[in-house]
Amino acid sequence: MATKTIRYTATLPLEYVNELRGLASEKKIPSVNYAINEALDMYINERKAAEYKSQMIEAVQDKAFLSRTLNCASDFGAIDSEVDGKW
């Protein structure tokens, strides 16, 4: 399935654009647009990972969360042992 796209105008430093144009002309990247999309994808994924890490650090300090998690692991421990190795 193709990703829906929109045209969006942004202001970029000239040196970045020139660097990307050089890479594209040397065939090291497919295009300037491709590199910008890749950079945005990496940035968004890094931000999501940082947010997830922050949430996990917060969760570790939540005694109620830890109790529920350990109880759930204990509850499923018996079931897990029944099917262990059957998958």
PDB file of N, CA and C in Angstrom:
ATOM      1  N   MET A   1       0.835  -1.170   0.000  1.00  0.00           N
ATOM      2  CA  MET A   1       0.000   0.000   0.000  1.00  0.00           C
ATOM      3  C   MET A   1       0.884   1.239   0.000  1.00  0.00           C
ATOM      4  N   ALA A   2       0.596   2.166  -0.873  1.00  0.00           N
ATOM      5  CA  ALA A   2       1.375   3.398  -0.976  1.00  0.00           C
ATOM      6  C   ALA A   2       1.008   4.350   0.152  1.00  0.00           C
ATOM      7  N   THR A   3       1.997   5.040   0.672  1.00  0.00           N
ATOM      8  CA  THR A   3       1.774   6.014   1.724  1.00  0.00           C
ATOM      9  C   THR A   3       1.202   7.285   1.116  1.00  0.00           C
ATOM     10  N   LYS A   4       0.175   7.828   1.755  1.00  0.00           N
ATOM     11  CA  LYS A   4      -0.400   9.089   1.292  1.00  0.00           C
ATOM     12  C   LYS A   4       0.591  10.208   1.572  1.00  0.00           C
ATOM     13  N   THR A   5       0.758  11.087   0.632  1.00  0.00           N
ATOM     14  CA  THR A   5       1.701  12.196   0.800  1.00  0.00           C
ATOM     15  C   THR A   5       0.994  13.527   0.566  1.00  0.00           C
ATOM     16  N   ILE A   6       1.599  14.585   1.080  1.00  0.00           N
ATOM     17  CA  ILE A   6       1.145  15.941   0.804  1.00  0.00           C
ATOM     18  C   ILE A   6       2.365  16.779   0.476  1.00  0.00           C
ATOM     19  N   ARG A   7       2.144  17.851  -0.235  1.00  0.00           N
ATOM     20  CA  ARG A   7       3.229  18.796  -0.516  1.00  0.00           C
ATOM     21  C   ARG A   7       3.265  19.790   0.640  1.00  0.00           C
ATOM     22  N   TYR A   8       4.459  19.987   1.213  1.00  0.00           N
ATOM     23  CA  TYR A   8       4.623  20.858   2.364  1.00  0.00           C
ATOM     24  C   TYR A   8       5.873  21.704   2.147  1.00  0.00           C
ATOM     25  N   THR A   9       5.758  22.976   2.401  1.00  0.00           N
ATOM     26  CA  THR A   9       6.902  23.869   2.235  1.00  0.00           C
ATOM     27  C   THR A   9       7.600  24.053   3.575  1.00  0.00           C
ATOM     28  N   ALA A  10       8.919  23.879   3.572  1.00  0.00           N
ATOM     29  CA  ALA A  10       9.713  24.064   4.785  1.00  0.00           C
ATOM     30  C   ALA A  10      10.957  24.868   4.431  1.00  0.00           C
ATOM     31  N   THR A  11      11.513  25.514   5.407  1.00  0.00           N
ATOM     32  CA  THR A  11      12.732  26.285   5.213  1.00  0.00           C
ATOM     33  C   THR A  11      13.901  25.474   5.759  1.00  0.00           C
ATOM     34  N   LEU A  12      14.901  25.259   4.913  1.00  0.00           N
ATOM     35  CA  LEU A  12      16.070  24.470   5.293  1.00  0.00           C
ATOM     36  C   LEU A  12      17.329  25.305   5.092  1.00  0.00           C
ATOM     37  N   PRO A  13      18.345  25.065   5.886  1.00  0.00           N
ATOM     38  CA  PRO A  13      19.614  25.758   5.675  1.00  0.00           C
ATOM     39  C   PRO A  13      20.200  25.403   4.299  1.00  0.00           C
ATOM     40  N   LEU A  14      20.692  26.399   3.610  1.00  0.00           N
ATOM     41  CA  LEU A  14      21.243  26.214   2.268  1.00  0.00           C
ATOM     42  C   LEU A  14      22.340  25.159   2.250  1.00  0.00           C
ATOM     43  N   GLU A  15      23.193  25.137   3.274  1.00  0.00           N
ATOM     44  CA  GLU A  15      24.301  24.172   3.282  1.00  0.00           C
ATOM     45  C   GLU A  15      23.774  22.723   3.337  1.00  0.00           C
ATOM     46  N   TYR A  16      22.649  22.507   4.023  1.00  0.00           N
ATOM     47  CA  TYR A  16      22.064  21.159   4.059  1.00  0.00           C
ATOM     48  C   TYR A  16      21.570  20.758   2.674  1.00  0.00           C
ATOM     49  N   VAL A  17      20.869  21.671   2.043  1.00  0.00           N
ATOM     50  CA  VAL A  17      20.320  21.378   0.715  1.00  0.00           C
ATOM     51  C   VAL A  17      21.456  21.148  -0.279  1.00  0.00           C
ATOM     52  N   ASN A  18      22.472  21.975  -0.225  1.00  0.00           N
ATOM     53  CA  ASN A  18      23.610  21.802  -1.135  1.00  0.00           C
ATOM     54  C   ASN A  18      24.308  20.465  -0.900  1.00  0.00           C
ATOM     55  N   GLU A  19      24.474  20.093   0.364  1.00  0.00           N
ATOM     56  CA  GLU A  19      25.099  18.808   0.694  1.00  0.00           C
ATOM     57  C   GLU A  19      24.266  17.657   0.126  1.00  0.00           C
ATOM     58  N   LEU A  20      22.963  17.733   0.301  1.00  0.00           N
ATOM     59  CA  LEU A  20      22.087  16.678  -0.208  1.00  0.00           C
ATOM     60  C   LEU A  20      22.077  16.640  -1.726  1.00  0.00           C
ATOM     61  N   ARG A  21      22.091  17.791  -2.350  1.00  0.00           N
ATOM     62  CA  ARG A  21      22.154  17.837  -3.830  1.00  0.00           C
ATOM     63  C   ARG A  21      23.439  17.176  -4.323  1.00  0.00           C
ATOM     64  N   GLY A  22      24.541  17.447  -3.624  1.00  0.00           N
ATOM     65  CA  GLY A  22      25.809  16.819  -3.994  1.00  0.00           C
ATOM     66  C   GLY A  22      25.739  15.310  -3.861  1.00  0.00           C
ATOM     67  N   LEU A  23      25.169  14.821  -2.780  1.00  0.00           N
ATOM     68  CA  LEU A  23      25.026  13.369  -2.591  1.00  0.00           C
ATOM     69  C   LEU A  23      24.133  12.760  -3.671  1.00  0.00           C
ATOM     70  N   ALA A  24      23.087  13.477  -4.030  1.00  0.00           N
ATOM     71  CA  ALA A  24      22.178  12.974  -5.070  1.00  0.00           C
ATOM     72  C   ALA A  24      22.881  12.952  -6.427  1.00  0.00           C
ATOM     73  N   SER A  25      23.662  13.985  -6.729  1.00  0.00           N
ATOM     74  CA  SER A  25      24.349  14.023  -8.028  1.00  0.00           C
ATOM     75  C   SER A  25      25.428  12.944  -8.118  1.00  0.00           C
ATOM     76  N   GLU A  26      25.988  12.562  -6.975  1.00  0.00           N
ATOM     77  CA  GLU A  26      26.991  11.482  -6.933  1.00  0.00           C
ATOM     78  C   GLU A  26      26.330  10.107  -6.827  1.00  0.00           C
ATOM     79  N   LYS A  27      25.000  10.097  -6.860  1.00  0.00           N
ATOM     80  CA  LYS A  27      24.210   8.855  -6.782  1.00  0.00           C
ATOM     81  C   LYS A  27      24.410   8.118  -5.457  1.00  0.00           C
ATOM     82  N   LYS A  28      24.729   8.857  -4.405  1.00  0.00           N
ATOM     83  CA  LYS A  28      24.863   8.251  -3.082  1.00  0.00           C
ATOM     84  C   LYS A  28      23.526   8.183  -2.366  1.00  0.00           C
ATOM     85  N   ILE A  29      22.583   9.021  -2.790  1.00  0.00           N
ATOM     86  CA  ILE A  29      21.191   8.968  -2.346  1.00  0.00           C
ATOM     87  C   ILE A  29      20.317   9.134  -3.588  1.00  0.00           C
ATOM     88  N   PRO A  30      19.096   8.600  -3.559  1.00  0.00           N
ATOM     89  CA  PRO A  30      18.233   8.734  -4.739  1.00  0.00           C
ATOM     90  C   PRO A  30      17.843  10.177  -5.054  1.00  0.00           C
ATOM     91  N   SER A  31      17.573  10.976  -4.007  1.00  0.00           N
ATOM     92  CA  SER A  31      17.157  12.363  -4.224  1.00  0.00           C
ATOM     93  C   SER A  31      17.211  13.124  -2.911  1.00  0.00           C
ATOM     94  N   VAL A  32      17.126  14.440  -3.007  1.00  0.00           N
ATOM     95  CA  VAL A  32      17.069  15.290  -1.821  1.00  0.00           C
ATOM     96  C   VAL A  32      15.809  14.957  -1.027  1.00  0.00           C
ATOM     97  N   ASN A  33      14.692  14.818  -1.722  1.00  0.00           N
ATOM     98  CA  ASN A  33      13.427  14.500  -1.070  1.00  0.00           C
ATOM     99  C   ASN A  33      13.524  13.177  -0.304  1.00  0.00           C
ATOM    100  N   TYR A  34      14.149  12.185  -0.911  1.00  0.00           N
ATOM    101  CA  TYR A  34      14.320  10.878  -0.255  1.00  0.00           C
ATOM    102  C   TYR A  34      15.088  11.040   1.055  1.00  0.00           C
ATOM    103  N   ALA A  35      16.176  11.804   1.012  1.00  0.00           N
ATOM    104  CA  ALA A  35      17.006  11.987   2.209  1.00  0.00           C
ATOM    105  C   ALA A  35      16.241  12.720   3.303  1.00  0.00           C
ATOM    106  N   ILE A  36      15.463  13.715   2.931  1.00  0.00           N
ATOM    107  CA  ILE A  36      14.673  14.447   3.926  1.00  0.00           C
ATOM    108  C   ILE A  36      13.647  13.512   4.555  1.00  0.00           C
ATOM    109  N   ASN A  37      12.981  12.695   3.751  1.00  0.00           N
ATOM    110  CA  ASN A  37      12.015  11.732   4.290  1.00  0.00           C
ATOM    111  C   ASN A  37      12.685  10.726   5.218  1.00  0.00           C
ATOM    112  N   GLU A  38      13.854  10.241   4.833  1.00  0.00           N
ATOM    113  CA  GLU A  38      14.591   9.294   5.679  1.00  0.00           C
ATOM    114  C   GLU A  38      14.978   9.938   7.007  1.00  0.00           C
ATOM    115  N   ALA A  39      15.442  11.181   6.940  1.00  0.00           N
ATOM    116  CA  ALA A  39      15.840  11.891   8.152  1.00  0.00           C
ATOM    117  C   ALA A  39      14.637  12.102   9.076  1.00  0.00           C
ATOM    118  N   LEU A  40      13.503  12.458   8.501  1.00  0.00           N
ATOM    119  CA  LEU A  40      12.295  12.643   9.313  1.00  0.00           C
ATOM    120  C   LEU A  40      11.849  11.330   9.931  1.00  0.00           C
ATOM    121  N   ASP A  41      11.929  10.257   9.171  1.00  0.00           N
ATOM    122  CA  ASP A  41      11.553   8.943   9.691  1.00  0.00           C
ATOM    123  C   ASP A  41      12.445   8.568  10.871  1.00  0.00           C
ATOM    124  N   MET A  42      13.749   8.773  10.729  1.00  0.00           N
ATOM    125  CA  MET A  42      14.685   8.472  11.813  1.00  0.00           C
ATOM    126  C   MET A  42      14.392   9.350  13.034  1.00  0.00           C
ATOM    127  N   TYR A  43      14.145  10.627  12.815  1.00  0.00           N
ATOM    128  CA  TYR A  43      13.873  11.547  13.912  1.00  0.00           C
ATOM    129  C   TYR A  43      12.606  11.136  14.667  1.00  0.00           C
ATOM    130  N   ILE A  44      11.545  10.847  13.932  1.00  0.00           N
ATOM    131  CA  ILE A  44      10.282  10.460  14.567  1.00  0.00           C
ATOM    132  C   ILE A  44      10.453   9.167  15.349  1.00  0.00           C
ATOM    133  N   ASN A  45      11.147   8.189  14.783  1.00  0.00           N
ATOM    134  CA  ASN A  45      11.380   6.930  15.497  1.00  0.00           C
ATOM    135  C   ASN A  45      12.219   7.133  16.753  1.00  0.00           C
ATOM    136  N   GLU A  46      13.227   7.995  16.690  1.00  0.00           N
ATOM    137  CA  GLU A  46      14.044   8.296  17.864  1.00  0.00           C
ATOM    138  C   GLU A  46      13.206   8.970  18.950  1.00  0.00           C
ATOM    139  N   ARG A  47      12.327   9.888  18.564  1.00  0.00           N
ATOM    140  CA  ARG A  47      11.461  10.573  19.533  1.00  0.00           C
ATOM    141  C   ARG A  47      10.510   9.584  20.185  1.00  0.00           C
ATOM    142  N   LYS A  48       9.940   8.670  19.390  1.00  0.00           N
ATOM    143  CA  LYS A  48       9.034   7.658  19.938  1.00  0.00           C
ATOM    144  C   LYS A  48       9.785   6.746  20.908  1.00  0.00           C
ATOM    145  N   ALA A  49      10.993   6.351  20.557  1.00  0.00           N
ATOM    146  CA  ALA A  49      11.796   5.490  21.425  1.00  0.00           C
ATOM    147  C   ALA A  49      12.138   6.213  22.725  1.00  0.00           C
ATOM    148  N   ALA A  50      12.463   7.489  22.642  1.00  0.00           N
ATOM    149  CA  ALA A  50      12.780   8.264  23.837  1.00  0.00           C
ATOM    150  C   ALA A  50      11.547   8.386  24.734  1.00  0.00           C
ATOM    151  N   GLU A  51      10.395   8.588  24.140  1.00  0.00           N
ATOM    152  CA  GLU A  51       9.153   8.678  24.915  1.00  0.00           C
ATOM    153  C   GLU A  51       8.843   7.347  25.589  1.00  0.00           C
ATOM    154  N   TYR A  52       9.017   6.245  24.857  1.00  0.00           N
ATOM    155  CA  TYR A  52       8.780   4.915  25.414  1.00  0.00           C
ATOM    156  C   TYR A  52       9.723   4.659  26.595  1.00  0.00           C
ATOM    157  N   LYS A  53      10.996   5.009  26.418  1.00  0.00           N
ATOM    158  CA  LYS A  53      11.974   4.831  27.492  1.00  0.00           C
ATOM    159  C   LYS A  53      11.574   5.641  28.716  1.00  0.00           C
ATOM    160  N   SER A  54      11.141   6.877  28.505  1.00  0.00           N
ATOM    161  CA  SER A  54      10.704   7.732  29.593  1.00  0.00           C
ATOM    162  C   SER A  54       9.513   7.122  30.325  1.00  0.00           C
ATOM    163  N   GLN A  55       8.573   6.565  29.567  1.00  0.00           N
ATOM    164  CA  GLN A  55       7.411   5.927  30.177  1.00  0.00           C
ATOM    165  C   GLN A  55       7.810   4.685  30.975  1.00  0.00           C
ATOM    166  N   MET A  56       8.773   3.931  30.475  1.00  0.00           N
ATOM    167  CA  MET A  56       9.217   2.734  31.191  1.00  0.00           C
ATOM    168  C   MET A  56       9.957   3.105  32.479  1.00  0.00           C
ATOM    169  N   ILE A  57      10.750   4.159  32.440  1.00  0.00           N
ATOM    170  CA  ILE A  57      11.441   4.628  33.642  1.00  0.00           C
ATOM    171  C   ILE A  57      10.410   5.066  34.688  1.00  0.00           C
ATOM    172  N   GLU A  58       9.377   5.739  34.224  1.00  0.00           N
ATOM    173  CA  GLU A  58       8.300   6.161  35.117  1.00  0.00           C
ATOM    174  C   GLU A  58       7.556   4.946  35.677  1.00  0.00           C
ATOM    175  N   ALA A  59       7.290   3.945  34.835  1.00  0.00           N
ATOM    176  CA  ALA A  59       6.546   2.753  35.254  1.00  0.00           C
ATOM    177  C   ALA A  59       7.311   1.963  36.321  1.00  0.00           C
ATOM    178  N   VAL A  60       8.628   1.923  36.200  1.00  0.00           N
ATOM    179  CA  VAL A  60       9.451   1.179  37.162  1.00  0.00           C
ATOM    180  C   VAL A  60       9.305   1.768  38.571  1.00  0.00           C
ATOM    181  N   GLN A  61       8.999   3.025  38.633  1.00  0.00           N
ATOM    182  CA  GLN A  61       8.848   3.686  39.933  1.00  0.00           C
ATOM    183  C   GLN A  61       7.425   3.588  40.485  1.00  0.00           C
ATOM    184  N   ASP A  62       6.507   3.007  39.696  1.00  0.00           N
ATOM    185  CA  ASP A  62       5.107   2.869  40.098  1.00  0.00           C
ATOM    186  C   ASP A  62       4.898   1.494  40.729  1.00  0.00           C
ATOM    187  N   LYS A  63       4.785   1.466  42.049  1.00  0.00           N
ATOM    188  CA  LYS A  63       4.676   0.198  42.775  1.00  0.00           C
ATOM    189  C   LYS A  63       3.423  -0.581  42.363  1.00  0.00           C
ATOM    190  N   ALA A  64       2.322   0.091  42.095  1.00  0.00           N
ATOM    191  CA  ALA A  64       1.089  -0.586  41.681  1.00  0.00           C
ATOM    192  C   ALA A  64       1.286  -1.256  40.313  1.00  0.00           C
ATOM    193  N   PHE A  65       1.954  -0.566  39.412  1.00  0.00           N
ATOM    194  CA  PHE A  65       2.228  -1.134  38.088  1.00  0.00           C
ATOM    195  C   PHE A  65       3.103  -2.377  38.213  1.00  0.00           C
ATOM    196  N   LEU A  66       4.151  -2.266  39.008  1.00  0.00           N
ATOM    197  CA  LEU A  66       5.050  -3.409  39.200  1.00  0.00           C
ATOM    198  C   LEU A  66       4.310  -4.592  39.809  1.00  0.00           C
ATOM    199  N   SER A  67       3.456  -4.331  40.775  1.00  0.00           N
ATOM    200  CA  SER A  67       2.684  -5.398  41.412  1.00  0.00           C
ATOM    201  C   SER A  67       1.773  -6.083  40.399  1.00  0.00           C
ATOM    202  N   ARG A  68       1.063  -5.298  39.588  1.00  0.00           N
ATOM    203  CA  ARG A  68       0.179  -5.880  38.562  1.00  0.00           C
ATOM    204  C   ARG A  68       0.980  -6.694  37.554  1.00  0.00           C
ATOM    205  N   THR A  69       2.122  -6.171  37.142  1.00  0.00           N
ATOM    206  CA  THR A  69       2.951  -6.855  36.149  1.00  0.00           C
ATOM    207  C   THR A  69       3.464  -8.188  36.695  1.00  0.00           C
ATOM    208  N   LEU A  70       3.962  -8.170  37.926  1.00  0.00           N
ATOM    209  CA  LEU A  70       4.474  -9.408  38.525  1.00  0.00           C
ATOM    210  C   LEU A  70       3.357 -10.416  38.763  1.00  0.00           C
ATOM    211  N   ASN A  71       2.192  -9.958  39.196  1.00  0.00           N
ATOM    212  CA  ASN A  71       1.051 -10.855  39.381  1.00  0.00           C
ATOM    213  C   ASN A  71       0.619 -11.481  38.059  1.00  0.00           C
ATOM    214  N   CYS A  72       0.596 -10.681  37.000  1.00  0.00           N
ATOM    215  CA  CYS A  72       0.224 -11.180  35.670  1.00  0.00           C
ATOM    216  C   CYS A  72       1.236 -12.226  35.205  1.00  0.00           C
ATOM    217  N   ALA A  73       2.504 -11.951  35.389  1.00  0.00           N
ATOM    218  CA  ALA A  73       3.539 -12.910  34.997  1.00  0.00           C
ATOM    219  C   ALA A  73       3.384 -14.208  35.770  1.00  0.00           C
ATOM    220  N   SER A  74       3.078 -14.085  37.051  1.00  0.00           N
ATOM    221  CA  SER A  74       2.880 -15.271  37.884  1.00  0.00           C
ATOM    222  C   SER A  74       1.648 -16.050  37.435  1.00  0.00           C
ATOM    223  N   ASP A  75       0.559 -15.327  37.145  1.00  0.00           N
ATOM    224  CA  ASP A  75      -0.687 -15.971  36.708  1.00  0.00           C
ATOM    225  C   ASP A  75      -0.493 -16.759  35.415  1.00  0.00           C
ATOM    226  N   PHE A  76       0.290 -16.227  34.493  1.00  0.00           N
ATOM    227  CA  PHE A  76       0.485 -16.889  33.215  1.00  0.00           C
ATOM    228  C   PHE A  76       1.644 -17.878  33.238  1.00  0.00           C
ATOM    229  N   GLY A  77       2.411 -17.880  34.307  1.00  0.00           N
ATOM    230  CA  GLY A  77       3.555 -18.787  34.399  1.00  0.00           C
ATOM    231  C   GLY A  77       3.167 -20.236  34.243  1.00  0.00           C
ATOM    232  N   ALA A  78       2.082 -20.645  34.892  1.00  0.00           N
ATOM    233  CA  ALA A  78       1.638 -22.048  34.808  1.00  0.00           C
ATOM    234  C   ALA A  78       1.194 -22.381  33.387  1.00  0.00           C
ATOM    235  N   ILE A  79       0.479 -21.475  32.772  1.00  0.00           N
ATOM    236  CA  ILE A  79       0.014 -21.711  31.394  1.00  0.00           C
ATOM    237  C   ILE A  79       1.187 -21.768  30.448  1.00  0.00           C
ATOM    238  N   ASP A  80       2.138 -20.864  30.617  1.00  0.00           N
ATOM    239  CA  ASP A  80       3.328 -20.851  29.761  1.00  0.00           C
ATOM    240  C   ASP A  80       4.081 -22.188  29.858  1.00  0.00           C
ATOM    241  N   SER A  81       4.155 -22.744  31.044  1.00  0.00           N
ATOM    242  CA  SER A  81       4.890 -24.000  31.202  1.00  0.00           C
ATOM    243  C   SER A  81       4.158 -25.157  30.517  1.00  0.00           C
ATOM    244  N   GLU A  82       2.838 -25.058  30.392  1.00  0.00           N
ATOM    245  CA  GLU A  82       2.066 -26.114  29.719  1.00  0.00           C
ATOM    246  C   GLU A  82       2.328 -26.153  28.223  1.00  0.00           C
ATOM    247  N   VAL A  83       2.548 -24.998  27.622  1.00  0.00           N
ATOM    248  CA  VAL A  83       2.734 -24.935  26.181  1.00  0.00           C
ATOM    249  C   VAL A  83       4.198 -24.737  25.786  1.00  0.00           C
ATOM    250  N   ASP A  84       5.086 -24.654  26.742  1.00  0.00           N
ATOM    251  CA  ASP A  84       6.500 -24.440  26.467  1.00  0.00           C
ATOM    252  C   ASP A  84       7.010 -25.524  25.522  1.00  0.00           C
ATOM    253  N   GLY A  85       7.607 -25.088  24.425  1.00  0.00           N
ATOM    254  CA  GLY A  85       8.179 -26.017  23.468  1.00  0.00           C
ATOM    255  C   GLY A  85       7.193 -26.576  22.458  1.00  0.00           C
ATOM    256  N   LYS A  86       5.903 -26.251  22.587  1.00  0.00           N
ATOM    257  CA  LYS A  86       4.893 -26.755  21.644  1.00  0.00           C
ATOM    258  C   LYS A  86       4.734 -25.861  20.436  1.00  0.00           C
ATOM    259  N   TRP A  87       5.334 -24.677  20.493  1.00  0.00           N
ATOM    260  CA  TRP A  87       5.176 -23.743  19.380  1.00  0.00           C
ATOM    261  C   TRP A  87       6.330 -23.911  18.487  1.00  0.00           C
TER     262      TRP A  87
END
